Amino acid sequence: MAEGAGPNLDEVWRILGPFGKYTVVNYAFLLFPCYLAGIYGSVFNFEAMDINYRCAIPECENENSTWIEYAIPKQNNKFDKCRRYDYFNESNTCDQWSFNRSSIIKCKEYIYSNEDSVVKDFNLGCQDWKRTLIGTIYCAGFLIALPVTGVLSDKYGRVKAMAVTSAMYAIFGTIRSFSTSYEMLIVFEFLETATGAAMYSTAFVFGMELVRPDGRVFGNTLMNFAFILGSMSLSLLAWVLQNWRLMLRIVYAPAFLVLSYLFILNESPRWLLSKGRCEEALSILKKAENMNKVTIPEHLLASLKAAKYDESSINDMKFGTVFTKVVKSRTMLLRLVLCCYLWITCSFAYYGLSINSVSLAGNKYLNYTFVAFIEIPANSFCYVVLTKYGRKRVLVTMYALGGIFCIGLTLIARDSLWSLFIYLAGKFAITVAYSTVYVTASEIFPTNARQSLLAICSTTGRAGATMAPLSPLLALYNDNLPTIIFGSLALLASLLSLTIPETDHVTLPDNVKEAKKIAQIKKISKL
């Protein structure tokens, strides 16, 4: 986009209304894939949920169960899942004299409860690393999807990228429900996210480009609400169904509907202008003008239409050229590295707290729902504080509070009500920080590479999300170790956030030159 076109487009959106009919209709379409993304981001928690099981004692299984007390050792008043006492009775009876309580051996077979999980279907008893690896593989797919889809979205458009990624979710998610082995499940876990995981980020970038500066926080809040409702509805659906295969088939089928966006949803005018496709952008703005029943001054449309490109300008729009400029600019490179770290911290703590919530006392499905629900007031709070205090102060404060609450859990008994309260408070703070990082990162990078650079941040951040499913293994050594790590990373992120530029009410930059100037730009007055 030619320099100066960005503010003019923001003025067009102001005339069309903060959330006029055209924007509302478009957001209605965008919120659907955001809702689906909330479901898909949580699904592995319920398909690979740990369940109750015990050692199988082949010598005694055909008799009544009174012998169990003598056959299996206890830990914390619970039967050991993975070990048993050696059987040595030659008379083939099962009583207290039939087991050598000084000889403990590993189990070879397991008796599973009636709960439904891949643990039961694929006999993953006492193989926690295999169970948690499912979530890690799922998150690892993001490392491919986000940068690749980011480049494709910046090159071919937001609508095409969103439709294709949604279709990949639907195809591979449905196929995964028919898995006949652990290996098949793992392969399709990875393929699903490697090809479809950028659905949410594409919808998010599209949404940010549909509003003027003072509407971006509200747009971000709406998308977060849709994502949260997806997470909550999945936990309740999993509780009702108790069947992970049926659950997958039900939740992935609706993703095929997003393919219809190719025929019914208009492309982002800002993206079209950034590619020099002015006539198409103006045609869409005319549709918005008629739908909202307002009149856009001809001089504004003329200023957008006057954005002509020479060969040098076209080359400057290519991702390789933009990325080279970012790397060569010390300001932009440091900004990119900082956003990457902030994203890693948010992803690790956010998903780690969600995953570990099923280990809290009480109903695991309701616990997950509560931990997801806390994000609704968190995002409402985020909307208020971002609007009033800007981005920087919110980042610094919320990371600090998240770190304090997480580390504070080490001082409270895990089975107390206070433990749940502090846990939810930590999730609240991290959620506000995560939402703020999303908004800030979308505001400090240029339009002609916004999703690509946002994808680099999100991809790097996925290193944290990829490690999060393994965090329950840390609790095997110390119950508080996961939250200590979450809190320590958050406190460091709070300090680093002091260096990020304030972007509140600043027009989205359309090229690297404008992006570098953000720190020098005065906050524009609210209109």
Protein backbone atom coordinates (compact mmCIF):
# COMPACT_ATOMS: atom_id res chain seq x y z
CA MET A 1 0.00 0.00 0.00
CA ALA A 2 1.32 3.42 -0.88
CA GLU A 3 2.49 5.48 2.05
CA GLY A 4 -0.41 7.48 3.46
CA ALA A 5 -3.13 5.10 2.21
CA GLY A 6 -3.38 3.39 5.60
CA PRO A 7 -4.73 6.44 7.50
CA ASN A 8 -7.15 7.11 4.64
CA LEU A 9 -8.48 3.55 4.87
CA ASP A 10 -8.87 3.97 8.63
CA GLU A 11 -10.93 7.07 7.91
CA VAL A 12 -13.10 5.01 5.55
CA TRP A 13 -13.74 2.50 8.35
CA ARG A 14 -14.62 5.39 10.69
CA ILE A 15 -17.26 6.60 8.24
CA LEU A 16 -18.59 3.07 7.80
CA GLY A 17 -19.04 2.93 11.58
CA PRO A 18 -17.01 1.38 14.43
CA PHE A 19 -18.91 -1.86 13.91
CA GLY A 20 -21.33 -1.14 11.09
CA LYS A 21 -23.50 -3.74 9.37
CA TYR A 22 -20.77 -4.73 6.90
CA THR A 23 -18.22 -5.31 9.67
CA VAL A 24 -20.75 -7.16 11.83
CA VAL A 25 -21.66 -9.52 8.98
CA ASN A 26 -18.00 -10.23 8.23
CA TYR A 27 -17.20 -10.82 11.90
CA ALA A 28 -20.14 -13.23 12.12
CA PHE A 29 -18.40 -15.33 9.46
CA LEU A 30 -14.97 -14.97 11.09
CA LEU A 31 -16.17 -15.97 14.56
CA PHE A 32 -17.22 -19.42 13.33
CA PRO A 33 -13.68 -20.64 12.51
CA CYS A 34 -12.51 -19.00 15.76
CA TYR A 35 -15.09 -21.08 17.63
CA LEU A 36 -13.93 -24.23 15.85
CA ALA A 37 -10.30 -23.39 16.64
CA GLY A 38 -11.21 -23.29 20.35
CA ILE A 39 -12.57 -26.83 20.03
CA TYR A 40 -9.66 -28.20 18.04
CA GLY A 41 -7.05 -26.64 20.31
CA SER A 42 -8.41 -28.61 23.27
CA VAL A 43 -9.50 -31.88 21.69
CA PHE A 44 -6.35 -33.90 22.48
CA ASN A 45 -6.92 -33.26 26.20
CA PHE A 46 -10.03 -35.42 26.05
CA GLU A 47 -9.12 -38.02 23.44
CA ALA A 48 -5.86 -38.80 25.30
CA MET A 49 -7.14 -38.27 28.83
CA ASP A 50 -5.56 -40.36 31.57
CA ILE A 51 -8.02 -42.88 32.99
CA ASN A 52 -8.18 -45.35 35.87
CA TYR A 53 -6.62 -48.76 35.40
CA ARG A 54 -4.70 -51.35 37.39
CA CYS A 55 -2.38 -54.27 36.88
CA ALA A 56 -3.95 -57.39 35.47
CA ILE A 57 -3.21 -60.43 37.66
CA PRO A 58 -3.79 -63.34 35.23
CA GLU A 59 -3.52 -65.91 38.00
CA CYS A 60 -6.47 -64.46 39.91
CA GLU A 61 -8.75 -62.54 37.55
CA ASN A 62 -11.33 -65.35 37.41
CA GLU A 63 -11.86 -65.29 41.18
CA ASN A 64 -13.58 -62.70 43.39
CA SER A 65 -11.71 -59.46 43.98
CA THR A 66 -10.80 -59.88 47.67
CA TRP A 67 -7.23 -60.77 46.68
CA ILE A 68 -6.49 -57.31 45.16
CA GLU A 69 -5.43 -55.92 48.55
CA TYR A 70 -2.64 -58.51 48.66
CA ALA A 71 -1.65 -58.39 44.97
CA ILE A 72 -1.07 -54.71 44.31
CA PRO A 73 0.93 -52.23 46.44
CA LYS A 74 -0.57 -48.87 47.39
CA GLN A 75 0.74 -45.33 47.05
CA ASN A 76 -1.09 -42.54 48.87
CA ASN A 77 -3.96 -44.94 49.58
CA LYS A 78 -4.34 -45.73 45.88
CA PHE A 79 -3.45 -48.96 44.09
CA ASP A 80 -0.24 -48.66 42.09
CA LYS A 81 -1.06 -48.55 38.38
CA CYS A 82 2.19 -49.97 37.13
CA ARG A 83 3.50 -52.48 39.68
CA ARG A 84 2.32 -55.61 41.44
CA TYR A 85 3.57 -58.21 43.92
CA ASP A 86 5.06 -61.38 42.51
CA TYR A 87 2.75 -64.42 42.56
CA PHE A 88 4.33 -67.60 43.89
CA ASN A 89 1.50 -69.88 45.10
CA GLU A 90 1.75 -73.24 43.34
CA SER A 91 -1.73 -74.24 44.47
CA ASN A 92 -3.27 -71.65 42.12
CA THR A 93 -5.25 -69.94 44.86
CA CYS A 94 -5.45 -66.23 45.49
CA ASP A 95 -5.21 -65.03 49.05
CA GLN A 96 -2.83 -63.09 51.28
CA TRP A 97 -0.34 -65.97 51.19
CA SER A 98 -0.24 -66.12 47.38
CA PHE A 99 1.94 -63.04 46.83
CA ASN A 100 5.51 -62.26 47.78
CA ARG A 101 5.20 -58.75 49.24
CA SER A 102 8.97 -58.34 49.27
CA SER A 103 9.13 -58.82 45.49
CA ILE A 104 7.58 -56.04 43.37
CA ILE A 105 7.51 -56.47 39.58
CA LYS A 106 6.29 -54.33 36.66
CA CYS A 107 2.88 -55.03 35.18
CA LYS A 108 2.62 -56.68 31.77
CA GLU A 109 -1.13 -56.36 31.30
CA TYR A 110 -3.79 -53.92 32.51
CA ILE A 111 -7.44 -53.86 33.46
CA TYR A 112 -9.01 -50.57 32.33
CA SER A 113 -12.05 -48.78 33.74
CA ASN A 114 -15.12 -48.08 31.60
CA GLU A 115 -13.82 -44.59 30.80
CA ASP A 116 -13.14 -43.89 27.12
CA SER A 117 -9.68 -42.80 25.94
CA VAL A 118 -6.95 -43.72 23.47
CA VAL A 119 -5.12 -45.00 26.54
CA LYS A 120 -7.63 -47.84 26.67
CA ASP A 121 -8.04 -48.35 22.92
CA PHE A 122 -4.31 -48.60 22.22
CA ASN A 123 -3.22 -50.13 25.53
CA LEU A 124 -1.07 -47.22 26.71
CA GLY A 125 -1.18 -48.18 30.39
CA CYS A 126 1.86 -46.90 32.32
CA GLN A 127 3.20 -45.22 29.17
CA ASP A 128 2.53 -41.62 30.13
CA TRP A 129 5.18 -40.42 27.70
CA LYS A 130 3.19 -41.90 24.81
CA ARG A 131 -0.03 -40.35 26.05
CA THR A 132 1.45 -36.87 26.52
CA LEU A 133 3.35 -37.18 23.23
CA ILE A 134 -0.03 -37.02 21.45
CA GLY A 135 -0.46 -33.42 22.59
CA THR A 136 3.15 -32.57 21.79
CA ILE A 137 2.85 -33.95 18.25
CA TYR A 138 -0.42 -32.08 17.84
CA CYS A 139 1.21 -28.79 18.84
CA ALA A 140 4.32 -29.52 16.76
CA GLY A 141 2.21 -29.31 13.62
CA PHE A 142 1.79 -25.58 14.29
CA LEU A 143 5.51 -25.14 13.64
CA ILE A 144 4.83 -25.90 9.98
CA ALA A 145 1.30 -24.56 9.56
CA LEU A 146 1.80 -21.04 10.91
CA PRO A 147 4.76 -19.87 8.79
CA VAL A 148 3.61 -21.64 5.61
CA THR A 149 0.02 -20.43 5.85
CA GLY A 150 1.24 -16.97 6.86
CA VAL A 151 3.21 -16.64 3.63
CA LEU A 152 0.34 -18.10 1.57
CA SER A 153 -2.16 -15.78 3.23
CA ASP A 154 -0.02 -12.72 2.53
CA LYS A 155 0.42 -13.88 -1.07
CA TYR A 156 -2.99 -15.30 -2.04
CA GLY A 157 -5.36 -13.64 0.44
CA ARG A 158 -7.04 -14.20 3.78
CA VAL A 159 -10.20 -15.90 2.52
CA LYS A 160 -8.42 -18.60 0.50
CA ALA A 161 -6.04 -19.37 3.36
CA MET A 162 -8.89 -19.62 5.87
CA ALA A 163 -10.97 -21.92 3.66
CA VAL A 164 -8.11 -24.29 2.84
CA THR A 165 -6.90 -24.61 6.45
CA SER A 166 -10.44 -25.32 7.65
CA ALA A 167 -10.83 -28.07 5.05
CA MET A 168 -7.57 -29.66 6.21
CA TYR A 169 -8.84 -29.65 9.80
CA ALA A 170 -12.03 -31.39 8.70
CA ILE A 171 -10.34 -34.02 6.52
CA PHE A 172 -7.52 -35.11 8.82
CA GLY A 173 -9.54 -34.77 12.03
CA THR A 174 -12.25 -37.04 10.67
CA ILE A 175 -9.74 -39.60 9.39
CA ARG A 176 -8.07 -39.63 12.81
CA SER A 177 -11.31 -40.78 14.43
CA PHE A 178 -10.93 -44.06 12.51
CA SER A 179 -7.38 -44.72 13.75
CA THR A 180 -6.61 -48.41 14.15
CA SER A 181 -3.27 -47.95 15.91
CA TYR A 182 -1.34 -45.49 18.04
CA GLU A 183 1.01 -44.79 15.14
CA MET A 184 -1.86 -43.91 12.81
CA LEU A 185 -3.31 -41.58 15.44
CA ILE A 186 0.01 -39.77 15.86
CA VAL A 187 0.48 -39.31 12.11
CA PHE A 188 -2.94 -37.71 11.64
CA GLU A 189 -2.58 -35.59 14.79
CA PHE A 190 0.45 -34.03 13.13
CA LEU A 191 -1.04 -33.74 9.63
CA GLU A 192 -4.14 -32.05 11.00
CA THR A 193 -2.30 -29.16 12.62
CA ALA A 194 0.54 -29.03 10.07
CA THR A 195 -2.03 -28.18 7.37
CA GLY A 196 -4.89 -26.54 9.26
CA ALA A 197 -3.65 -24.92 12.47
CA ALA A 198 -3.38 -21.40 11.04
CA MET A 199 -7.16 -21.11 10.64
CA TYR A 200 -7.49 -18.96 13.76
CA SER A 201 -4.54 -16.66 13.05
CA THR A 202 -5.81 -16.07 9.50
CA ALA A 203 -9.27 -15.14 10.78
CA PHE A 204 -7.65 -12.95 13.44
CA VAL A 205 -5.52 -10.98 10.98
CA PHE A 206 -8.51 -10.59 8.66
CA GLY A 207 -10.58 -9.25 11.56
CA MET A 208 -7.91 -6.75 12.61
CA GLU A 209 -7.78 -5.41 9.04
CA LEU A 210 -11.55 -4.79 8.98
CA VAL A 211 -11.59 -2.14 11.72
CA ARG A 212 -9.90 1.13 12.55
CA PRO A 213 -7.40 1.42 15.46
CA ASP A 214 -9.94 1.92 18.27
CA GLY A 215 -11.94 -1.11 17.11
CA ARG A 216 -9.11 -3.65 17.15
CA VAL A 217 -9.32 -4.43 20.88
CA PHE A 218 -13.07 -5.06 20.66
CA GLY A 219 -12.58 -7.24 17.58
CA ASN A 220 -9.88 -9.21 19.37
CA THR A 221 -12.21 -9.68 22.36
CA LEU A 222 -15.02 -11.06 20.19
CA MET A 223 -12.68 -13.58 18.59
CA ASN A 224 -11.35 -14.65 21.96
CA PHE A 225 -14.89 -15.16 23.25
CA ALA A 226 -15.64 -17.45 20.30
CA PHE A 227 -12.44 -19.42 20.98
CA ILE A 228 -13.31 -19.76 24.69
CA LEU A 229 -16.85 -20.95 23.97
CA GLY A 230 -15.32 -23.59 21.72
CA SER A 231 -13.12 -24.88 24.54
CA MET A 232 -16.00 -24.91 27.02
CA SER A 233 -18.44 -26.65 24.69
CA LEU A 234 -15.87 -29.34 23.89
CA SER A 235 -15.33 -30.27 27.55
CA LEU A 236 -19.08 -30.55 28.12
CA LEU A 237 -19.54 -32.54 24.89
CA ALA A 238 -16.74 -34.92 25.90
CA TRP A 239 -18.40 -35.37 29.30
CA VAL A 240 -21.74 -36.24 27.69
CA LEU A 241 -20.43 -38.50 24.92
CA GLN A 242 -17.67 -40.40 26.76
CA ASN A 243 -16.57 -41.59 23.31
CA TRP A 244 -13.51 -39.95 21.76
CA ARG A 245 -14.08 -41.33 18.25
CA LEU A 246 -17.67 -40.06 18.04
CA MET A 247 -16.55 -36.75 19.55
CA LEU A 248 -14.00 -36.22 16.76
CA ARG A 249 -16.52 -36.97 14.03
CA ILE A 250 -19.04 -34.53 15.48
CA VAL A 251 -16.66 -31.60 16.01
CA TYR A 252 -14.67 -31.81 12.76
CA ALA A 253 -17.53 -32.11 10.26
CA PRO A 254 -18.62 -28.41 10.59
CA ALA A 255 -15.18 -27.23 9.38
CA PHE A 256 -16.20 -28.17 5.83
CA LEU A 257 -18.70 -25.29 5.94
CA VAL A 258 -15.86 -22.74 5.89
CA LEU A 259 -15.11 -23.78 2.29
CA SER A 260 -18.25 -21.81 1.34
CA TYR A 261 -16.39 -18.61 2.31
CA LEU A 262 -14.62 -18.81 -1.04
CA PHE A 263 -17.94 -17.85 -2.65
CA ILE A 264 -19.69 -15.67 -0.06
CA LEU A 265 -16.98 -13.71 1.82
CA ASN A 266 -15.22 -10.64 0.40
CA GLU A 267 -11.44 -10.37 0.65
CA SER A 268 -9.76 -7.92 3.03
CA PRO A 269 -9.69 -4.48 1.35
CA ARG A 270 -6.49 -3.58 3.20
CA TRP A 271 -4.78 -6.71 1.86
CA LEU A 272 -6.01 -5.97 -1.69
CA LEU A 273 -4.66 -2.41 -1.48
CA SER A 274 -1.32 -3.71 -0.20
CA LYS A 275 -1.13 -5.81 -3.37
CA GLY A 276 -2.00 -2.92 -5.67
CA ARG A 277 -5.45 -4.36 -6.49
CA CYS A 278 -7.17 -1.03 -5.94
CA GLU A 279 -10.23 -1.59 -8.14
CA GLU A 280 -11.19 -4.77 -6.27
CA ALA A 281 -10.71 -3.04 -2.92
CA LEU A 282 -12.83 -0.05 -3.95
CA SER A 283 -15.57 -2.36 -5.24
CA ILE A 284 -15.78 -4.04 -1.81
CA LEU A 285 -15.79 -0.68 -0.03
CA LYS A 286 -18.68 0.39 -2.26
CA LYS A 287 -20.59 -2.72 -1.15
CA ALA A 288 -19.88 -1.80 2.47
CA GLU A 289 -21.03 1.76 1.78
CA ASN A 290 -24.37 0.55 0.39
CA MET A 291 -24.85 -2.03 3.16
CA ASN A 292 -24.19 0.53 5.92
CA LYS A 293 -26.22 3.22 4.10
CA VAL A 294 -23.52 5.87 4.42
CA THR A 295 -21.57 7.94 1.90
CA ILE A 296 -17.79 7.76 1.63
CA PRO A 297 -16.36 11.06 0.32
CA GLU A 298 -15.04 10.72 -3.21
CA HIS A 299 -11.70 12.29 -2.28
CA LEU A 300 -11.04 9.42 0.15
CA LEU A 301 -11.81 6.79 -2.48
CA ALA A 302 -9.71 8.74 -4.96
CA SER A 303 -6.76 8.77 -2.55
CA LEU A 304 -6.96 4.99 -2.30
CA LYS A 305 -7.34 4.58 -6.05
CA ALA A 306 -4.32 6.84 -6.60
CA ALA A 307 -2.04 4.31 -4.88
CA LYS A 308 -0.07 3.23 -7.95
CA TYR A 309 2.97 0.96 -7.88
CA ASP A 310 6.14 0.91 -9.84
CA GLU A 311 8.27 -2.23 -10.21
CA SER A 312 10.29 -1.32 -7.12
CA SER A 313 7.12 -1.01 -5.03
CA ILE A 314 5.85 -4.38 -6.20
CA ASN A 315 9.17 -6.00 -5.29
CA ASP A 316 8.99 -4.38 -1.85
CA MET A 317 5.73 -6.23 -1.22
CA LYS A 318 7.31 -9.67 -1.63
CA PHE A 319 7.73 -11.52 1.65
CA GLY A 320 11.42 -12.23 1.04
CA THR A 321 12.14 -8.55 0.53
CA VAL A 322 10.11 -7.49 3.56
CA PHE A 323 11.68 -10.15 5.77
CA THR A 324 15.16 -9.10 4.65
CA LYS A 325 14.37 -5.51 5.63
CA VAL A 326 13.11 -6.69 9.02
CA VAL A 327 16.28 -8.69 9.68
CA LYS A 328 18.52 -5.83 8.61
CA SER A 329 16.71 -3.35 10.84
CA ARG A 330 17.94 -3.61 14.43
CA THR A 331 14.69 -2.08 15.70
CA MET A 332 12.44 -4.50 13.81
CA LEU A 333 14.61 -7.53 14.53
CA LEU A 334 14.63 -6.89 18.29
CA ARG A 335 10.89 -6.32 18.14
CA LEU A 336 10.42 -9.67 16.37
CA VAL A 337 12.63 -11.52 18.89
CA LEU A 338 10.80 -9.93 21.82
CA CYS A 339 7.39 -10.90 20.45
CA CYS A 340 8.64 -14.45 19.93
CA TYR A 341 9.66 -14.76 23.59
CA LEU A 342 6.43 -13.20 24.85
CA TRP A 343 4.52 -15.71 22.72
CA ILE A 344 6.55 -18.67 24.01
CA THR A 345 5.82 -17.68 27.61
CA CYS A 346 2.10 -17.18 26.98
CA SER A 347 1.70 -20.44 25.05
CA PHE A 348 3.59 -22.53 27.59
CA ALA A 349 1.77 -21.10 30.62
CA TYR A 350 -1.66 -20.82 28.96
CA TYR A 351 -1.80 -24.36 27.60
CA GLY A 352 0.14 -25.78 30.53
CA LEU A 353 -2.37 -24.40 33.05
CA SER A 354 -5.27 -25.70 30.94
CA ILE A 355 -3.78 -29.18 30.56
CA ASN A 356 -2.83 -29.50 34.22
CA SER A 357 -6.31 -28.42 35.31
CA VAL A 358 -7.62 -31.98 34.81
CA SER A 359 -5.33 -33.07 37.65
CA LEU A 360 -7.06 -30.75 40.14
CA ALA A 361 -9.38 -32.29 42.70
CA GLY A 362 -12.95 -32.85 41.51
CA ASN A 363 -14.63 -33.51 38.16
CA LYS A 364 -11.99 -33.18 35.42
CA TYR A 365 -14.53 -32.04 32.80
CA LEU A 366 -15.97 -29.31 35.04
CA ASN A 367 -12.47 -28.23 36.10
CA TYR A 368 -11.50 -27.77 32.45
CA THR A 369 -14.74 -25.86 31.83
CA PHE A 370 -14.06 -23.54 34.79
CA VAL A 371 -10.48 -22.92 33.66
CA ALA A 372 -11.80 -22.09 30.18
CA PHE A 373 -14.65 -19.98 31.56
CA ILE A 374 -12.28 -17.76 33.53
CA GLU A 375 -11.08 -16.48 30.16
CA ILE A 376 -14.42 -14.75 29.55
CA PRO A 377 -14.05 -12.25 32.43
CA ALA A 378 -10.32 -12.14 31.62
CA ASN A 379 -10.99 -11.00 28.05
CA SER A 380 -13.71 -8.60 29.18
CA PHE A 381 -11.19 -7.13 31.61
CA CYS A 382 -8.61 -7.10 28.83
CA TYR A 383 -10.92 -5.04 26.62
CA VAL A 384 -11.40 -2.43 29.34
CA VAL A 385 -7.75 -2.09 30.37
CA LEU A 386 -6.37 -2.10 26.81
CA THR A 387 -8.78 0.64 25.86
CA LYS A 388 -7.94 2.72 28.95
CA TYR A 389 -4.27 2.02 29.60
CA GLY A 390 -2.84 0.89 26.26
CA ARG A 391 -0.80 -2.24 25.51
CA LYS A 392 2.53 -1.82 27.30
CA ARG A 393 1.34 -1.30 30.88
CA VAL A 394 -1.11 -4.17 30.58
CA LEU A 395 1.60 -6.55 29.35
CA VAL A 396 4.00 -5.65 32.15
CA THR A 397 1.35 -5.90 34.87
CA MET A 398 -0.39 -9.10 33.72
CA TYR A 399 2.84 -11.04 33.17
CA ALA A 400 3.98 -10.01 36.66
CA LEU A 401 0.69 -11.04 38.29
CA GLY A 402 0.62 -14.32 36.35
CA GLY A 403 4.11 -15.13 37.59
CA ILE A 404 3.28 -14.25 41.20
CA PHE A 405 0.09 -16.33 41.23
CA CYS A 406 1.75 -19.38 39.64
CA ILE A 407 4.68 -19.37 42.05
CA GLY A 408 2.29 -18.62 44.92
CA LEU A 409 0.62 -21.99 44.33
CA THR A 410 3.66 -23.65 45.89
CA LEU A 411 2.66 -22.17 49.27
CA ILE A 412 -0.89 -23.58 49.29
CA ALA A 413 -2.19 -27.13 49.77
CA ARG A 414 -3.27 -28.49 46.38
CA ASP A 415 -6.54 -29.95 47.68
CA SER A 416 -7.75 -26.65 49.19
CA LEU A 417 -10.29 -24.24 47.70
CA TRP A 418 -7.64 -21.49 47.82
CA SER A 419 -5.50 -23.59 45.47
CA LEU A 420 -8.25 -23.57 42.82
CA PHE A 421 -8.79 -19.83 43.34
CA ILE A 422 -5.09 -18.96 42.89
CA TYR A 423 -4.88 -21.35 39.92
CA LEU A 424 -7.78 -19.55 38.22
CA ALA A 425 -6.23 -16.17 39.06
CA GLY A 426 -3.00 -17.24 37.36
CA LYS A 427 -4.93 -18.40 34.28
CA PHE A 428 -6.83 -15.08 34.32
CA ALA A 429 -3.61 -13.03 34.23
CA ILE A 430 -1.95 -15.17 31.56
CA THR A 431 -5.09 -15.00 29.39
CA VAL A 432 -5.09 -11.19 29.53
CA ALA A 433 -1.38 -11.18 28.64
CA TYR A 434 -1.94 -13.61 25.75
CA SER A 435 -4.76 -11.50 24.27
CA THR A 436 -2.62 -8.39 24.59
CA VAL A 437 0.33 -10.04 22.85
CA TYR A 438 -1.92 -11.01 19.93
CA VAL A 439 -3.17 -7.44 19.54
CA THR A 440 0.26 -5.84 19.97
CA ALA A 441 2.03 -8.17 17.53
CA SER A 442 -0.62 -7.51 14.88
CA GLU A 443 -0.06 -3.75 15.28
CA ILE A 444 3.73 -3.47 15.08
CA PHE A 445 4.29 -5.37 11.79
CA PRO A 446 3.54 -4.09 8.25
CA THR A 447 0.49 -5.14 6.20
CA ASN A 448 2.51 -6.63 3.34
CA ALA A 449 3.99 -9.20 5.73
CA ARG A 450 1.75 -8.94 8.78
CA GLN A 451 0.54 -12.53 8.89
CA SER A 452 3.93 -13.89 7.86
CA LEU A 453 5.73 -12.12 10.73
CA LEU A 454 2.87 -12.82 13.11
CA ALA A 455 3.24 -16.46 12.06
CA ILE A 456 6.95 -16.41 12.95
CA CYS A 457 6.06 -15.18 16.44
CA SER A 458 3.26 -17.69 16.81
CA THR A 459 5.38 -20.53 15.41
CA THR A 460 8.20 -19.77 17.83
CA GLY A 461 5.62 -19.50 20.58
CA ARG A 462 4.39 -22.95 19.68
CA ALA A 463 7.62 -24.26 21.15
CA GLY A 464 5.95 -23.42 24.45
CA ALA A 465 2.66 -25.02 23.44
CA THR A 466 4.55 -28.11 22.26
CA MET A 467 6.24 -28.48 25.64
CA ALA A 468 3.04 -27.81 27.59
CA PRO A 469 1.52 -31.32 27.12
CA LEU A 470 4.70 -32.75 28.66
CA SER A 471 4.44 -30.54 31.76
CA PRO A 472 2.31 -33.11 33.69
CA LEU A 473 5.39 -35.36 33.61
CA LEU A 474 7.24 -32.73 35.69
CA ALA A 475 4.61 -33.12 38.39
CA LEU A 476 5.74 -36.74 38.81
CA TYR A 477 8.92 -35.33 40.40
CA ASN A 478 7.35 -32.36 42.22
CA ASP A 479 3.68 -31.34 42.17
CA ASN A 480 4.60 -27.65 42.03
CA LEU A 481 7.35 -27.82 39.42
CA PRO A 482 5.14 -26.98 36.38
CA THR A 483 3.68 -23.84 37.99
CA ILE A 484 7.11 -22.70 39.25
CA ILE A 485 8.41 -22.81 35.67
CA PHE A 486 5.30 -21.05 34.31
CA GLY A 487 5.69 -18.30 36.92
CA SER A 488 9.43 -17.77 36.40
CA LEU A 489 9.04 -17.35 32.63
CA ALA A 490 6.16 -14.91 33.15
CA LEU A 491 8.17 -12.69 35.52
CA LEU A 492 10.99 -12.43 32.96
CA ALA A 493 8.43 -11.60 30.25
CA SER A 494 7.13 -8.78 32.45
CA LEU A 495 10.57 -7.19 32.56
CA LEU A 496 11.15 -7.55 28.82
CA SER A 497 7.74 -6.01 28.04
CA LEU A 498 9.10 -2.70 29.29
CA THR A 499 10.97 -2.40 25.97
CA ILE A 500 7.98 -2.84 23.65
CA PRO A 501 6.57 0.29 21.89
CA GLU A 502 3.07 1.51 22.72
CA THR A 503 0.66 0.94 19.79
CA ASP A 504 -2.62 2.15 21.25
CA HIS A 505 -4.63 4.12 18.64
CA VAL A 506 -1.77 3.97 16.13
CA THR A 507 -2.69 3.30 12.48
CA LEU A 508 -1.61 -0.12 11.26
CA PRO A 509 1.73 0.24 9.41
CA ASP A 510 1.64 -0.83 5.77
CA ASN A 511 5.40 -1.16 5.18
CA VAL A 512 8.63 -1.57 7.15
CA LYS A 513 9.35 2.17 7.09
CA GLU A 514 6.04 2.96 8.80
CA ALA A 515 6.46 0.08 11.25
CA LYS A 516 9.86 1.40 12.39
CA LYS A 517 8.32 4.80 13.13
CA ILE A 518 5.71 3.43 15.57
CA ALA A 519 7.80 4.15 18.66
CA GLN A 520 8.07 7.79 17.55
CA ILE A 521 4.40 8.24 16.68
CA LYS A 522 2.25 10.15 19.12
CA LYS A 523 -1.00 8.52 20.10
CA ILE A 524 -3.61 9.91 17.73
CA SER A 525 -6.71 11.39 19.26
CA LYS A 526 -9.82 9.25 19.58
CA LEU A 527 -12.49 10.16 17.12
